[in-house]
Amino acid sequence: MKVIATPSRTKEILEKHNLYAKKNYGQNFLIEPGIVSKIAAAAVTAGKCVVFEIGPGIGALTQMLSKEADKVVAFEIDERLPEVLADTLADCDNVEVVLQDFLNIDLKEVTKPYLDEGYEVVVAANLPYYITTPILFKIFEADAGISQITVMMQKEVADRFAAKCNTKDYNALSVITQYRCTVKNVLKVPKNVFNPKPNVDSAVLQFRFKENDPTINEPMFYKLVKGCFTQRRKTLLNNLFETIGDKELARKVLTDSGIDPARRAESCGLEEFIGLYRSVENAGISLCED
C-alpha cells in the first residue's frame, strides 16, 4: 500500500484524477506521513473503535486511521472525491465514504448502531478555518455519544479553544468548550507540510467529553457566557445588564457569586462562570435561547 501523504504520491493522485484544491472548501492536502500517523494514533485510543472522519480529501489521514480503527466512516462534501477515494483507498476494506455535508447529518442516528454494538465512536478531521467552529459545536450540542474529537485547525483558532483566562485568546468559545471537554494540545503543524501551502500554521487539538452536569441548563449557560463577553472592554456588570435587562439585578447576581462587578469576563475562570450561572438561576432569571 503506497502512503498517500507524501509530495510525490499526492502529486500523482492529483494529476491522475485532474484534481485541484478547491478554495471554497478550504482544501489543503497533507504531504508529511509522520504527522498524519501521529494524528491517527492520537485519534484512536480504544480497542474497539469507529472513527467518523470529516473531509477525507484524497485519503491521507483516512488511510492511517484505517490501520488504527475497526472502521472509518468518512463524510465528504466534494462530489469529485468519492471516486478518487475508491481508487486511493482500494486496499482499505474498513472505510466507508459518505457523500454528505457533515453539518446536515443526524449525529445521534448515525452513531447509535455503533454504540449499540459496543464501539467507541470518535471524530477525526483536518478542518478548514471557516467550518471549524460550526462543526465542533454541532458535535458538542448533539449529545450523540461521541467520546472524543481529534482535529487539525488553524493555530490561531486552536489557541482560542485552549486559552486560559487573562489571556488575549480567551473568550466565550474557550469557556463553553472547556465546560464540555478536556482540551489537549496534540501537536503543532507547520504550513510547509501541505499542498497547496496555506498562509498560516496549524495545530491538532483533542477534545475529550466530560460528563454532562444535569443541574445545568446548557443553552442558558451558553447564552450567559456569550452575554458576558459581548464587548470585551466592558465590565461584567455592563455586559450582564445588557443580557438580563436589569442593572441592579445584574450587580446582585455578580456579588452573590463572589465576582466583583467591575471585573471583565476575560478574568473569570470556568468555575466562576458556573457560580454566576447558579446565582442567575437562584434569582429566578430566565435566559431564552437566541
Protein backbone atom coordinates (compact mmCIF):
# COMPACT_ATOMS: atom_id res chain seq x y z
CA MET A 1 0.00 0.00 0.00
CA LYS A 2 1.51 3.32 -1.08
CA VAL A 3 1.41 6.03 1.57
CA ILE A 4 -0.78 8.87 0.29
CA ALA A 5 0.67 11.66 2.46
CA THR A 6 3.89 12.23 0.51
CA PRO A 7 4.61 15.01 -2.01
CA SER A 8 5.15 12.55 -4.89
CA ARG A 9 2.08 10.36 -4.23
CA THR A 10 -0.16 13.40 -3.70
CA LYS A 11 1.08 14.91 -6.97
CA GLU A 12 0.48 11.59 -8.74
CA ILE A 13 -3.12 11.34 -7.43
CA LEU A 14 -3.97 14.95 -8.28
CA GLU A 15 -2.62 14.57 -11.81
CA LYS A 16 -4.26 11.19 -12.40
CA HIS A 17 -7.70 12.49 -11.43
CA ASN A 18 -7.19 16.01 -12.81
CA LEU A 19 -7.79 17.41 -9.33
CA TYR A 20 -7.01 20.74 -7.73
CA ALA A 21 -7.67 22.08 -4.24
CA LYS A 22 -10.97 23.94 -4.04
CA LYS A 23 -10.56 27.19 -2.12
CA ASN A 24 -14.25 27.36 -1.18
CA TYR A 25 -13.86 24.01 0.62
CA GLY A 26 -10.62 25.14 2.29
CA GLN A 27 -8.76 22.14 0.88
CA ASN A 28 -5.08 21.65 1.71
CA PHE A 29 -3.64 18.15 1.27
CA LEU A 30 -1.22 16.81 3.93
CA ILE A 31 2.11 15.63 2.50
CA GLU A 32 4.02 14.58 5.64
CA PRO A 33 3.36 10.93 6.62
CA GLY A 34 4.87 11.25 10.09
CA ILE A 35 2.38 13.92 11.11
CA VAL A 36 -0.56 12.02 9.64
CA SER A 37 0.45 8.88 11.55
CA LYS A 38 0.66 10.84 14.82
CA ILE A 39 -2.82 12.30 14.32
CA ALA A 40 -4.30 8.86 13.59
CA ALA A 41 -2.59 7.28 16.60
CA ALA A 42 -3.85 10.08 18.87
CA ALA A 43 -7.39 9.86 17.49
CA VAL A 44 -7.89 6.13 18.13
CA THR A 45 -7.39 5.25 21.79
CA ALA A 46 -9.89 2.40 22.29
CA GLY A 47 -9.58 -1.24 21.32
CA LYS A 48 -12.97 -1.33 19.62
CA CYS A 49 -13.37 1.93 17.77
CA VAL A 50 -15.20 3.57 14.85
CA VAL A 51 -13.89 6.87 13.51
CA PHE A 52 -16.06 9.47 11.83
CA GLU A 53 -13.73 11.47 9.61
CA ILE A 54 -14.86 14.84 8.29
CA GLY A 55 -13.45 15.87 4.92
CA PRO A 56 -11.15 12.97 3.93
CA GLY A 57 -9.85 14.76 0.83
CA ILE A 58 -7.77 12.28 -1.17
CA GLY A 59 -7.47 9.93 1.83
CA ALA A 60 -4.15 10.78 3.51
CA LEU A 61 -5.48 10.70 7.07
CA THR A 62 -8.19 8.15 6.22
CA GLN A 63 -5.53 5.63 5.19
CA MET A 64 -3.74 5.90 8.53
CA LEU A 65 -7.00 5.88 10.53
CA SER A 66 -7.99 2.64 8.78
CA LYS A 67 -4.89 0.98 10.25
CA GLU A 68 -5.77 2.11 13.79
CA ALA A 69 -9.57 1.68 13.92
CA ASP A 70 -12.08 -1.09 13.26
CA LYS A 71 -13.94 1.14 10.81
CA VAL A 72 -13.70 4.63 9.32
CA VAL A 73 -16.82 6.44 8.11
CA ALA A 74 -15.63 9.40 6.03
CA PHE A 75 -18.05 12.26 5.33
CA GLU A 76 -17.14 14.21 2.20
CA ILE A 77 -18.92 17.23 0.69
CA ASP A 78 -16.91 17.42 -2.57
CA GLU A 79 -18.69 15.28 -5.17
CA ARG A 80 -15.42 14.79 -7.10
CA LEU A 81 -13.82 12.80 -4.31
CA PRO A 82 -15.71 9.53 -3.67
CA GLU A 83 -14.40 8.17 -6.99
CA VAL A 84 -10.86 9.31 -6.11
CA LEU A 85 -11.10 7.73 -2.64
CA ALA A 86 -12.32 4.46 -4.15
CA ASP A 87 -9.01 4.42 -6.02
CA THR A 88 -6.61 5.70 -3.33
CA LEU A 89 -8.16 3.59 -0.55
CA ALA A 90 -8.73 0.45 -2.63
CA ASP A 91 -6.69 -1.58 -0.10
CA CYS A 92 -8.61 -0.26 2.91
CA ASP A 93 -11.65 -2.51 3.22
CA ASN A 94 -12.84 -0.95 6.51
CA VAL A 95 -13.54 2.52 5.06
CA GLU A 96 -16.99 3.78 4.08
CA VAL A 97 -17.23 7.08 2.20
CA VAL A 98 -20.46 9.06 2.63
CA LEU A 99 -21.08 11.92 0.18
CA GLN A 100 -22.89 14.27 2.56
CA ASP A 101 -22.36 17.55 4.37
CA PHE A 102 -21.50 16.59 7.97
CA LEU A 103 -23.40 19.65 9.22
CA ASN A 104 -26.63 18.18 7.81
CA ILE A 105 -26.45 14.69 9.27
CA ASP A 106 -28.38 13.48 12.32
CA LEU A 107 -25.45 12.57 14.55
CA LYS A 108 -27.47 10.58 17.08
CA GLU A 109 -28.93 8.48 14.28
CA VAL A 110 -25.56 7.64 12.70
CA THR A 111 -23.73 6.91 15.96
CA LYS A 112 -26.43 4.74 17.55
CA PRO A 113 -25.82 1.48 15.62
CA TYR A 114 -22.11 1.54 16.54
CA LEU A 115 -22.73 2.46 20.18
CA ASP A 116 -25.32 -0.32 20.42
CA GLU A 117 -22.64 -2.79 19.26
CA GLY A 118 -20.21 -1.59 21.92
CA TYR A 119 -17.90 0.52 19.77
CA GLU A 120 -16.35 3.77 20.96
CA VAL A 121 -17.15 6.46 18.39
CA VAL A 122 -14.59 9.23 17.86
CA VAL A 123 -14.19 12.04 15.34
CA ALA A 124 -11.03 12.95 13.41
CA ALA A 125 -10.62 15.71 10.87
CA ASN A 126 -8.41 18.25 9.17
CA LEU A 127 -10.78 21.21 9.30
CA PRO A 128 -10.65 24.42 7.26
CA TYR A 129 -10.94 27.69 9.19
CA TYR A 130 -14.43 28.67 8.05
CA ILE A 131 -16.07 25.45 9.22
CA THR A 132 -14.12 24.63 12.42
CA THR A 133 -16.45 26.21 14.98
CA PRO A 134 -19.77 25.13 13.37
CA ILE A 135 -18.53 21.52 13.11
CA LEU A 136 -17.30 21.36 16.69
CA PHE A 137 -20.41 22.97 18.14
CA LYS A 138 -22.62 20.59 16.18
CA ILE A 139 -20.81 17.73 17.93
CA PHE A 140 -20.77 19.48 21.33
CA GLU A 141 -24.52 20.09 21.24
CA ALA A 142 -25.62 16.78 19.70
CA ASP A 143 -25.07 14.62 22.80
CA ALA A 144 -24.62 11.72 20.39
CA GLY A 145 -22.29 9.51 22.42
CA ILE A 146 -19.06 10.61 20.70
CA SER A 147 -16.26 10.29 23.24
CA GLN A 148 -13.55 12.45 21.72
CA ILE A 149 -12.66 14.67 18.77
CA THR A 150 -9.14 14.97 17.35
CA VAL A 151 -8.91 17.78 14.82
CA MET A 152 -6.37 19.85 12.97
CA MET A 153 -7.23 23.52 12.56
CA GLN A 154 -5.55 26.87 12.10
CA LYS A 155 -3.27 27.55 15.06
CA GLU A 156 -4.94 30.87 15.91
CA VAL A 157 -8.30 29.10 16.23
CA ALA A 158 -6.76 26.31 18.31
CA ASP A 159 -5.29 28.94 20.64
CA ARG A 160 -8.80 30.24 21.39
CA PHE A 161 -10.23 26.82 22.20
CA ALA A 162 -7.38 26.02 24.59
CA ALA A 163 -6.93 29.54 26.03
CA LYS A 164 -6.76 30.22 29.77
CA CYS A 165 -8.35 33.22 31.48
CA ASN A 166 -6.45 36.53 31.49
CA THR A 167 -5.01 35.86 28.03
CA LYS A 168 -5.84 37.64 24.77
CA ASP A 169 -7.23 34.48 23.15
CA TYR A 170 -9.65 33.67 25.99
CA ASN A 171 -13.30 34.22 25.04
CA ALA A 172 -16.79 32.69 25.26
CA LEU A 173 -15.68 29.89 22.92
CA SER A 174 -12.89 28.96 25.35
CA VAL A 175 -15.27 28.81 28.34
CA ILE A 176 -18.00 26.82 26.58
CA THR A 177 -15.52 24.38 25.07
CA GLN A 178 -13.75 23.77 28.37
CA TYR A 179 -17.11 23.30 30.12
CA ARG A 180 -17.96 20.46 27.72
CA CYS A 181 -14.49 18.99 27.20
CA THR A 182 -10.99 18.47 28.43
CA VAL A 183 -8.83 20.16 25.78
CA LYS A 184 -5.39 18.74 24.98
CA ASN A 185 -2.74 20.10 22.59
CA VAL A 186 -1.56 17.14 20.47
CA LEU A 187 0.96 18.77 18.12
CA LYS A 188 1.79 21.86 16.08
CA VAL A 189 1.76 21.51 12.29
CA PRO A 190 3.85 23.88 10.13
CA LYS A 191 2.33 25.24 6.93
CA ASN A 192 5.01 23.68 4.72
CA VAL A 193 3.56 20.14 5.12
CA PHE A 194 0.53 20.95 2.95
CA ASN A 195 -0.15 21.13 -0.76
CA PRO A 196 -1.07 23.87 -1.51
CA LYS A 197 0.77 25.61 1.34
CA PRO A 198 -1.63 27.74 3.44
CA ASN A 199 -0.71 31.16 4.83
CA VAL A 200 -0.72 30.06 8.48
CA ASP A 201 0.46 27.24 10.71
CA SER A 202 -1.96 24.67 12.11
CA ALA A 203 -2.34 22.74 15.35
CA VAL A 204 -4.00 19.48 16.36
CA LEU A 205 -6.28 19.60 19.40
CA GLN A 206 -8.09 16.79 21.14
CA PHE A 207 -11.41 17.33 22.89
CA ARG A 208 -12.43 14.61 25.36
CA PHE A 209 -16.01 14.94 26.54
CA LYS A 210 -16.77 15.38 30.23
CA GLU A 211 -19.92 14.00 31.83
CA ASN A 212 -22.88 16.35 31.49
CA ASP A 213 -23.98 18.17 34.65
CA PRO A 214 -27.76 17.50 34.73
CA THR A 215 -28.32 20.52 37.00
CA ILE A 216 -27.15 22.99 34.34
CA ASN A 217 -29.43 24.17 31.55
CA GLU A 218 -26.75 24.24 28.87
CA PRO A 219 -28.43 26.63 26.36
CA MET A 220 -28.98 29.08 29.24
CA PHE A 221 -25.38 28.67 30.45
CA TYR A 222 -24.03 29.22 26.92
CA LYS A 223 -26.14 32.35 26.49
CA LEU A 224 -24.96 33.72 29.84
CA VAL A 225 -21.30 33.16 28.94
CA LYS A 226 -21.70 34.70 25.48
CA GLY A 227 -23.50 37.67 27.03
CA CYS A 228 -20.64 38.27 29.46
CA PHE A 229 -18.20 38.52 26.53
CA THR A 230 -20.44 40.66 24.27
CA GLN A 231 -17.99 43.57 24.44
CA ARG A 232 -14.58 42.65 25.84
CA ARG A 233 -13.74 46.17 27.04
CA LYS A 234 -16.95 46.46 29.07
CA THR A 235 -17.23 45.32 32.68
CA LEU A 236 -19.14 42.20 33.59
CA LEU A 237 -21.79 44.43 35.16
CA ASN A 238 -22.44 46.29 31.92
CA ASN A 239 -22.41 43.20 29.70
CA LEU A 240 -24.65 41.29 32.10
CA PHE A 241 -27.02 44.26 32.36
CA GLU A 242 -27.46 44.14 28.57
CA THR A 243 -28.12 40.41 28.77
CA ILE A 244 -30.72 40.41 31.57
CA GLY A 245 -32.04 43.97 31.27
CA ASP A 246 -31.79 44.98 34.95
CA LYS A 247 -28.61 46.62 36.23
CA GLU A 248 -29.23 46.17 39.95
CA LEU A 249 -30.18 42.55 39.44
CA ALA A 250 -27.01 42.08 37.39
CA ARG A 251 -25.00 43.63 40.23
CA LYS A 252 -26.72 41.38 42.79
CA VAL A 253 -26.09 38.07 40.96
CA LEU A 254 -22.43 39.00 40.40
CA THR A 255 -21.98 39.92 44.07
CA ASP A 256 -23.86 36.79 45.22
CA SER A 257 -21.46 34.65 43.20
CA GLY A 258 -18.41 36.42 44.69
CA ILE A 259 -17.44 38.25 41.50
CA ASP A 260 -16.54 41.96 41.56
CA PRO A 261 -18.98 43.64 39.11
CA ALA A 262 -16.10 45.83 37.88
CA ARG A 263 -14.16 42.83 36.52
CA ARG A 264 -14.13 41.85 32.86
CA ALA A 265 -15.22 38.47 31.53
CA GLU A 266 -11.71 37.52 30.38
CA SER A 267 -10.59 37.47 34.06
CA CYS A 268 -13.12 34.79 35.07
CA GLY A 269 -12.41 31.09 35.05
CA LEU A 270 -14.86 28.31 34.21
CA GLU A 271 -15.82 27.66 37.85
CA GLU A 272 -16.63 31.34 38.33
CA PHE A 273 -18.95 31.28 35.31
CA ILE A 274 -20.67 28.19 36.71
CA GLY A 275 -21.06 30.01 40.04
CA LEU A 276 -22.54 33.02 38.23
CA TYR A 277 -24.96 30.71 36.41
CA ARG A 278 -26.10 29.31 39.78
CA SER A 279 -26.73 32.84 41.07
CA VAL A 280 -28.70 33.76 37.94
CA GLU A 281 -30.75 30.58 38.28
CA ASN A 282 -31.35 31.15 42.01
CA ALA A 283 -32.55 34.67 41.27
CA GLY A 284 -35.24 33.21 39.01
CA ILE A 285 -33.81 34.85 35.87
CA SER A 286 -34.66 33.02 32.65
CA LEU A 287 -32.44 33.50 29.62
CA CYS A 288 -34.16 32.41 26.42
CA GLU A 289 -32.18 30.87 23.60
CA ASP A 290 -31.27 33.09 20.67
